[in-house]
C-alpha atoms as a PDB file:
ATOM      1  CA  MET A   1      10.368   4.363  14.824  1.00  0.00           C
ATOM      2  CA  LYS A   2       9.509   2.242  11.823  1.00  0.00           C
ATOM      3  CA  TYR A   3       9.587  -1.464  12.017  1.00  0.00           C
ATOM      4  CA  PHE A   4       9.105  -4.068   9.198  1.00  0.00           C
ATOM      5  CA  LYS A   5       7.038  -7.114   9.267  1.00  0.00           C
ATOM      6  CA  LYS A   6       9.618  -9.861   8.344  1.00  0.00           C
ATOM      7  CA  LEU A   7       7.836 -12.593  10.252  1.00  0.00           C
ATOM      8  CA  ILE A   8       4.175 -12.394  11.104  1.00  0.00           C
ATOM      9  CA  GLY A   9       2.531 -14.076  13.930  1.00  0.00           C
ATOM     10  CA  LYS A  10      -1.040 -13.669  15.445  1.00  0.00           C
ATOM     11  CA  LYS A  11      -0.067 -11.177  18.326  1.00  0.00           C
ATOM     12  CA  LEU A  12       3.339  -9.962  17.100  1.00  0.00           C
ATOM     13  CA  TYR A  13       5.800  -9.936  14.345  1.00  0.00           C
ATOM     14  CA  LEU A  14       9.676  -9.940  14.031  1.00  0.00           C
ATOM     15  CA  SER A  15      11.274  -7.008  12.470  1.00  0.00           C
ATOM     16  CA  PRO A  16      15.072  -6.617  11.623  1.00  0.00           C
ATOM     17  CA  ILE A  17      16.803  -5.096  14.605  1.00  0.00           C
ATOM     18  CA  CYS A  18      16.748  -1.299  14.827  1.00  0.00           C
ATOM     19  CA  VAL A  19      19.970   0.141  16.400  1.00  0.00           C
ATOM     20  CA  GLU A  20      17.998   3.243  17.258  1.00  0.00           C
ATOM     21  CA  ASP A  21      16.310   1.140  19.967  1.00  0.00           C
ATOM     22  CA  ALA A  22      19.465   0.838  21.903  1.00  0.00           C
ATOM     23  CA  GLU A  23      18.228   3.171  24.612  1.00  0.00           C
ATOM     24  CA  GLN A  24      15.160   0.841  25.339  1.00  0.00           C
ATOM     25  CA  TYR A  25      17.325  -2.191  25.361  1.00  0.00           C
ATOM     26  CA  CYS A  26      19.808  -0.431  27.616  1.00  0.00           C
ATOM     27  CA  GLU A  27      16.938   0.278  30.147  1.00  0.00           C
ATOM     28  CA  TRP A  28      15.564  -3.353  30.057  1.00  0.00           C
ATOM     29  CA  LEU A  29      19.095  -4.980  30.326  1.00  0.00           C
ATOM     30  CA  ASN A  30      19.956  -2.955  33.291  1.00  0.00           C
ATOM     31  CA  ASP A  31      16.666  -3.826  35.036  1.00  0.00           C
ATOM     32  CA  PHE A  32      17.694  -6.723  37.159  1.00  0.00           C
ATOM     33  CA  GLU A  33      14.277  -8.203  37.105  1.00  0.00           C
ATOM     34  CA  ILE A  34      14.859  -8.740  33.412  1.00  0.00           C
ATOM     35  CA  ALA A  35      18.566  -9.174  33.179  1.00  0.00           C
ATOM     36  CA  LYS A  36      18.714 -11.952  36.074  1.00  0.00           C
ATOM     37  CA  ASN A  37      17.362 -14.453  33.393  1.00  0.00           C
ATOM     38  CA  LEU A  38      20.125 -13.469  30.728  1.00  0.00           C
ATOM     39  CA  LEU A  39      23.657 -14.578  30.357  1.00  0.00           C
ATOM     40  CA  ILE A  40      24.611 -10.852  30.619  1.00  0.00           C
ATOM     41  CA  PHE A  41      23.045 -10.400  33.987  1.00  0.00           C
ATOM     42  CA  ASN A  42      26.294  -9.409  35.875  1.00  0.00           C
ATOM     43  CA  ARG A  43      27.035  -6.790  33.418  1.00  0.00           C
ATOM     44  CA  GLN A  44      26.637  -2.933  33.428  1.00  0.00           C
ATOM     45  CA  LEU A  45      25.466  -1.753  30.014  1.00  0.00           C
ATOM     46  CA  SER A  46      25.920   2.061  29.096  1.00  0.00           C
ATOM     47  CA  LEU A  47      24.093   3.457  26.088  1.00  0.00           C
ATOM     48  CA  GLU A  48      27.280   3.397  24.202  1.00  0.00           C
ATOM     49  CA  LYS A  49      28.005  -0.117  24.781  1.00  0.00           C
ATOM     50  CA  GLU A  50      24.582  -1.238  23.999  1.00  0.00           C
ATOM     51  CA  LYS A  51      24.784   0.584  20.465  1.00  0.00           C
ATOM     52  CA  ALA A  52      28.176  -1.177  19.933  1.00  0.00           C
ATOM     53  CA  ILE A  53      26.702  -4.509  20.706  1.00  0.00           C
ATOM     54  CA  LEU A  54      23.741  -4.062  18.461  1.00  0.00           C
ATOM     55  CA  ASN A  55      26.059  -2.680  15.650  1.00  0.00           C
ATOM     56  CA  ASP A  56      28.444  -5.789  15.871  1.00  0.00           C
ATOM     57  CA  MET A  57      25.470  -8.252  16.049  1.00  0.00           C
ATOM     58  CA  VAL A  58      24.409  -6.936  12.748  1.00  0.00           C
ATOM     59  CA  LYS A  59      27.742  -6.852  11.137  1.00  0.00           C
ATOM     60  CA  ASN A  60      28.623 -10.479  12.450  1.00  0.00           C
ATOM     61  CA  ASP A  61      25.929 -12.118  10.455  1.00  0.00           C
ATOM     62  CA  ALA A  62      23.760 -12.980  13.443  1.00  0.00           C
ATOM     63  CA  GLN A  63      20.089 -12.844  12.559  1.00  0.00           C
ATOM     64  CA  VAL A  64      18.561 -10.403  15.229  1.00  0.00           C
ATOM     65  CA  PHE A  65      15.103  -9.357  15.284  1.00  0.00           C
ATOM     66  CA  GLY A  66      12.793  -6.879  17.420  1.00  0.00           C
ATOM     67  CA  ILE A  67       9.865  -8.434  18.792  1.00  0.00           C
ATOM     68  CA  ILE A  68       7.060  -6.002  17.968  1.00  0.00           C
ATOM     69  CA  ASP A  69       3.233  -6.191  19.174  1.00  0.00           C
ATOM     70  CA  MET A  70       1.010  -6.402  16.290  1.00  0.00           C
ATOM     71  CA  GLU A  71      -1.492  -3.853  17.391  1.00  0.00           C
ATOM     72  CA  THR A  72       0.539  -1.136  18.668  1.00  0.00           C
ATOM     73  CA  ASP A  73       3.856  -1.534  16.712  1.00  0.00           C
ATOM     74  CA  LYS A  74       5.560  -1.380  20.273  1.00  0.00           C
ATOM     75  CA  LEU A  75       8.901  -2.894  20.771  1.00  0.00           C
ATOM     76  CA  LEU A  76       8.667  -5.817  23.494  1.00  0.00           C
ATOM     77  CA  GLY A  77      12.288  -7.320  23.129  1.00  0.00           C
ATOM     78  CA  ASN A  78      14.283  -9.132  20.670  1.00  0.00           C
ATOM     79  CA  CYS A  79      15.229 -12.643  19.633  1.00  0.00           C
ATOM     80  CA  SER A  80      18.343 -13.924  17.682  1.00  0.00           C
ATOM     81  CA  ILE A  81      20.006 -16.664  15.950  1.00  0.00           C
ATOM     82  CA  PHE A  82      23.661 -16.638  16.285  1.00  0.00           C
ATOM     83  CA  CYS A  83      26.819 -19.007  16.127  1.00  0.00           C
ATOM     84  CA  ILE A  84      25.372 -19.999  12.699  1.00  0.00           C
ATOM     85  CA  ASN A  85      27.365 -23.263  11.538  1.00  0.00           C
ATOM     86  CA  GLU A  86      26.278 -23.654   7.740  1.00  0.00           C
ATOM     87  CA  ARG A  87      28.243 -26.794   7.144  1.00  0.00           C
ATOM     88  CA  ASN A  88      26.745 -28.749  10.136  1.00  0.00           C
ATOM     89  CA  ARG A  89      23.185 -26.851   9.893  1.00  0.00           C
ATOM     90  CA  LYS A  90      23.305 -25.875  13.528  1.00  0.00           C
ATOM     91  CA  ALA A  91      23.034 -22.588  15.444  1.00  0.00           C
ATOM     92  CA  GLU A  92      22.074 -21.237  18.793  1.00  0.00           C
ATOM     93  CA  VAL A  93      19.180 -18.935  19.780  1.00  0.00           C
ATOM     94  CA  GLY A  94      18.532 -16.334  22.424  1.00  0.00           C
ATOM     95  CA  ILE A  95      15.232 -14.322  23.380  1.00  0.00           C
ATOM     96  CA  PHE A  96      14.113 -11.963  26.022  1.00  0.00           C
ATOM     97  CA  ILE A  97      10.995  -9.908  26.435  1.00  0.00           C
ATOM     98  CA  GLY A  98      11.885  -6.709  28.166  1.00  0.00           C
ATOM     99  CA  ASP A  99       8.509  -4.972  28.550  1.00  0.00           C
ATOM    100  CA  LYS A 100       7.266  -6.545  31.944  1.00  0.00           C
ATOM    101  CA  ASP A 101       3.483  -5.953  30.852  1.00  0.00           C
ATOM    102  CA  TYR A 102       4.045  -8.741  28.043  1.00  0.00           C
ATOM    103  CA  LEU A 103       5.515 -11.425  30.256  1.00  0.00           C
ATOM    104  CA  SER A 104       3.698 -14.714  30.799  1.00  0.00           C
ATOM    105  CA  LYS A 105       1.228 -13.886  28.063  1.00  0.00           C
ATOM    106  CA  GLY A 106       2.488 -16.021  25.251  1.00  0.00           C
ATOM    107  CA  TYR A 107       4.429 -13.222  23.261  1.00  0.00           C
ATOM    108  CA  GLY A 108       8.031 -15.091  23.893  1.00  0.00           C
ATOM    109  CA  THR A 109       6.511 -18.477  22.804  1.00  0.00           C
ATOM    110  CA  GLU A 110       5.228 -16.906  19.764  1.00  0.00           C
ATOM    111  CA  ALA A 111       8.222 -15.086  18.973  1.00  0.00           C
ATOM    112  CA  LEU A 112      10.555 -17.960  19.467  1.00  0.00           C
ATOM    113  CA  SER A 113       8.218 -20.048  17.091  1.00  0.00           C
ATOM    114  CA  LEU A 114       8.517 -17.446  14.338  1.00  0.00           C
ATOM    115  CA  LEU A 115      12.435 -17.473  14.844  1.00  0.00           C
ATOM    116  CA  LEU A 116      12.511 -21.182  14.643  1.00  0.00           C
ATOM    117  CA  ASP A 117      10.468 -21.094  11.605  1.00  0.00           C
ATOM    118  CA  TYR A 118      12.963 -18.626  10.021  1.00  0.00           C
ATOM    119  CA  GLY A 119      16.031 -20.970  11.183  1.00  0.00           C
ATOM    120  CA  PHE A 120      14.640 -24.218   9.869  1.00  0.00           C
ATOM    121  CA  ASN A 121      12.898 -23.059   6.791  1.00  0.00           C
ATOM    122  CA  VAL A 122      14.874 -20.064   5.454  1.00  0.00           C
ATOM    123  CA  LEU A 123      18.392 -20.743   6.892  1.00  0.00           C
ATOM    124  CA  ASN A 124      17.941 -24.253   6.270  1.00  0.00           C
ATOM    125  CA  LEU A 125      19.047 -25.337   9.847  1.00  0.00           C
ATOM    126  CA  ASN A 126      18.801 -28.717  11.225  1.00  0.00           C
ATOM    127  CA  ASN A 127      19.542 -28.538  15.011  1.00  0.00           C
ATOM    128  CA  ILE A 128      18.923 -25.316  17.114  1.00  0.00           C
ATOM    129  CA  LEU A 129      20.426 -25.053  20.684  1.00  0.00           C
ATOM    130  CA  LEU A 130      19.700 -22.640  23.708  1.00  0.00           C
ATOM    131  CA  GLU A 131      20.955 -22.237  27.050  1.00  0.00           C
ATOM    132  CA  VAL A 132      18.564 -21.350  30.108  1.00  0.00           C
ATOM    133  CA  PHE A 133      19.155 -20.989  33.929  1.00  0.00           C
ATOM    134  CA  GLY A 134      17.463 -23.757  35.926  1.00  0.00           C
ATOM    135  CA  PHE A 135      15.556 -21.229  37.911  1.00  0.00           C
ATOM    136  CA  ASN A 136      13.934 -19.594  34.814  1.00  0.00           C
ATOM    137  CA  LYS A 137      10.818 -21.858  35.022  1.00  0.00           C
ATOM    138  CA  ARG A 138       8.653 -19.399  32.750  1.00  0.00           C
ATOM    139  CA  ALA A 139      11.181 -19.573  30.007  1.00  0.00           C
ATOM    140  CA  ILE A 140      11.651 -23.440  30.290  1.00  0.00           C
ATOM    141  CA  ARG A 141       7.951 -23.991  29.914  1.00  0.00           C
ATOM    142  CA  SER A 142       7.945 -21.592  26.929  1.00  0.00           C
ATOM    143  CA  TYR A 143      10.966 -23.440  25.428  1.00  0.00           C
ATOM    144  CA  GLU A 144       9.131 -26.938  25.738  1.00  0.00           C
ATOM    145  CA  LYS A 145       5.876 -25.487  24.347  1.00  0.00           C
ATOM    146  CA  VAL A 146       7.662 -24.910  20.938  1.00  0.00           C
ATOM    147  CA  GLY A 147       9.313 -28.314  21.122  1.00  0.00           C
ATOM    148  CA  PHE A 148      12.783 -27.808  22.742  1.00  0.00           C
ATOM    149  CA  LYS A 149      14.001 -30.816  24.762  1.00  0.00           C
ATOM    150  CA  LEU A 150      16.302 -31.017  27.598  1.00  0.00           C
ATOM    151  CA  ILE A 151      19.732 -32.479  26.411  1.00  0.00           C
ATOM    152  CA  GLY A 152      21.837 -31.782  29.440  1.00  0.00           C
ATOM    153  CA  LYS A 153      22.884 -29.418  32.102  1.00  0.00           C
ATOM    154  CA  ARG A 154      25.884 -27.844  33.692  1.00  0.00           C
ATOM    155  CA  ARG A 155      25.392 -28.403  37.430  1.00  0.00           C
ATOM    156  CA  GLU A 156      25.739 -25.609  39.855  1.00  0.00           C
ATOM    157  CA  ALA A 157      27.235 -23.300  37.163  1.00  0.00           C
ATOM    158  CA  ILE A 158      25.281 -20.086  37.907  1.00  0.00           C
ATOM    159  CA  ILE A 159      25.824 -18.442  41.341  1.00  0.00           C
ATOM    160  CA  LEU A 160      23.287 -15.620  42.068  1.00  0.00           C
ATOM    161  CA  GLY A 161      22.344 -14.200  45.343  1.00  0.00           C
ATOM    162  CA  GLY A 162      24.280 -16.812  47.189  1.00  0.00           C
ATOM    163  CA  GLU A 163      22.176 -19.632  45.499  1.00  0.00           C
ATOM    164  CA  LYS A 164      23.744 -22.250  42.942  1.00  0.00           C
ATOM    165  CA  HIS A 165      21.651 -23.160  39.950  1.00  0.00           C
ATOM    166  CA  ASP A 166      22.053 -25.287  36.944  1.00  0.00           C
ATOM    167  CA  GLU A 167      22.614 -24.268  33.539  1.00  0.00           C
ATOM    168  CA  LEU A 168      20.339 -26.064  31.293  1.00  0.00           C
ATOM    169  CA  TYR A 169      20.986 -26.960  27.454  1.00  0.00           C
ATOM    170  CA  MET A 170      17.949 -27.559  25.231  1.00  0.00           C
ATOM    171  CA  ASP A 171      17.763 -28.031  21.563  1.00  0.00           C
ATOM    172  CA  ILE A 172      15.178 -28.998  18.815  1.00  0.00           C
ATOM    173  CA  LEU A 173      15.574 -30.491  15.446  1.00  0.00           C
ATOM    174  CA  ALA A 174      14.044 -29.506  12.024  1.00  0.00           C
ATOM    175  CA  SER A 175      11.929 -32.741  11.941  1.00  0.00           C
ATOM    176  CA  GLU A 176      10.429 -31.921  15.317  1.00  0.00           C
ATOM    177  CA  PHE A 177       9.107 -28.453  14.353  1.00  0.00           C
ATOM    178  CA  GLU A 178       5.900 -27.518  12.378  1.00  0.00           C
ATOM    179  CA  SER A 179       6.048 -24.206  10.589  1.00  0.00           C
ATOM    180  CA  PRO A 180       3.622 -21.557  11.719  1.00  0.00           C
ATOM    181  CA  PHE A 181       4.314 -18.904   9.110  1.00  0.00           C
ATOM    182  CA  ILE A 182       6.799 -19.665   6.307  1.00  0.00           C
ATOM    183  CA  LYS A 183       5.324 -23.043   4.859  1.00  0.00           C
ATOM    184  CA  PRO A 184       1.810 -21.581   4.907  1.00  0.00           C
ATOM    185  CA  VAL A 185       2.955 -18.682   2.827  1.00  0.00           C
ATOM    186  CA  LEU A 186       4.775 -20.773   0.444  1.00  0.00           C
ATOM    187  CA  GLU A 187       1.661 -23.062   0.197  1.00  0.00           C
ATOM    188  CA  LYS A 188      -0.501 -20.021  -1.007  1.00  0.00           C
ATOM    189  CA  GLU A 189       1.648 -19.763  -4.282  1.00  0.00           C
END
């Protein structure tokens, strides 16, 4: 599999999504330990359906990236900017690390930071929003590290395993974010 270093961090880089990775995504998204934290936790995904989803994402102007380990060129997960509203300069983001060996090691935080850099400094966005389940403490800590702030919640909106959980809404503004990649590259000129 060939990946391209679109946005480069210290431990990883973001590459345009590769539809041929559908089987790996399908494996991760059908693993309940991974999927329980995602909005699609209650869906069964076949390989054909995952290929269709990836193709649709590429066709519908979503900015979707594979998260790739810098040393091994191994696919770790993906992240995306979607629901892009150019007039009001706002969008939403989503991210997941599917490879369990890379969880809680800073890969998601670094990938999200690169994604925000792209959103604010290439797409010229001003406000970026995300949704997260209240029980996903690891993700919430990661989002706070890159600067997201809690802006609201939908109470008891998620019922999983007989337990009710809040759905949290977090956002970040361009003025609250410091570019880790794009601005330093531009300053080299």
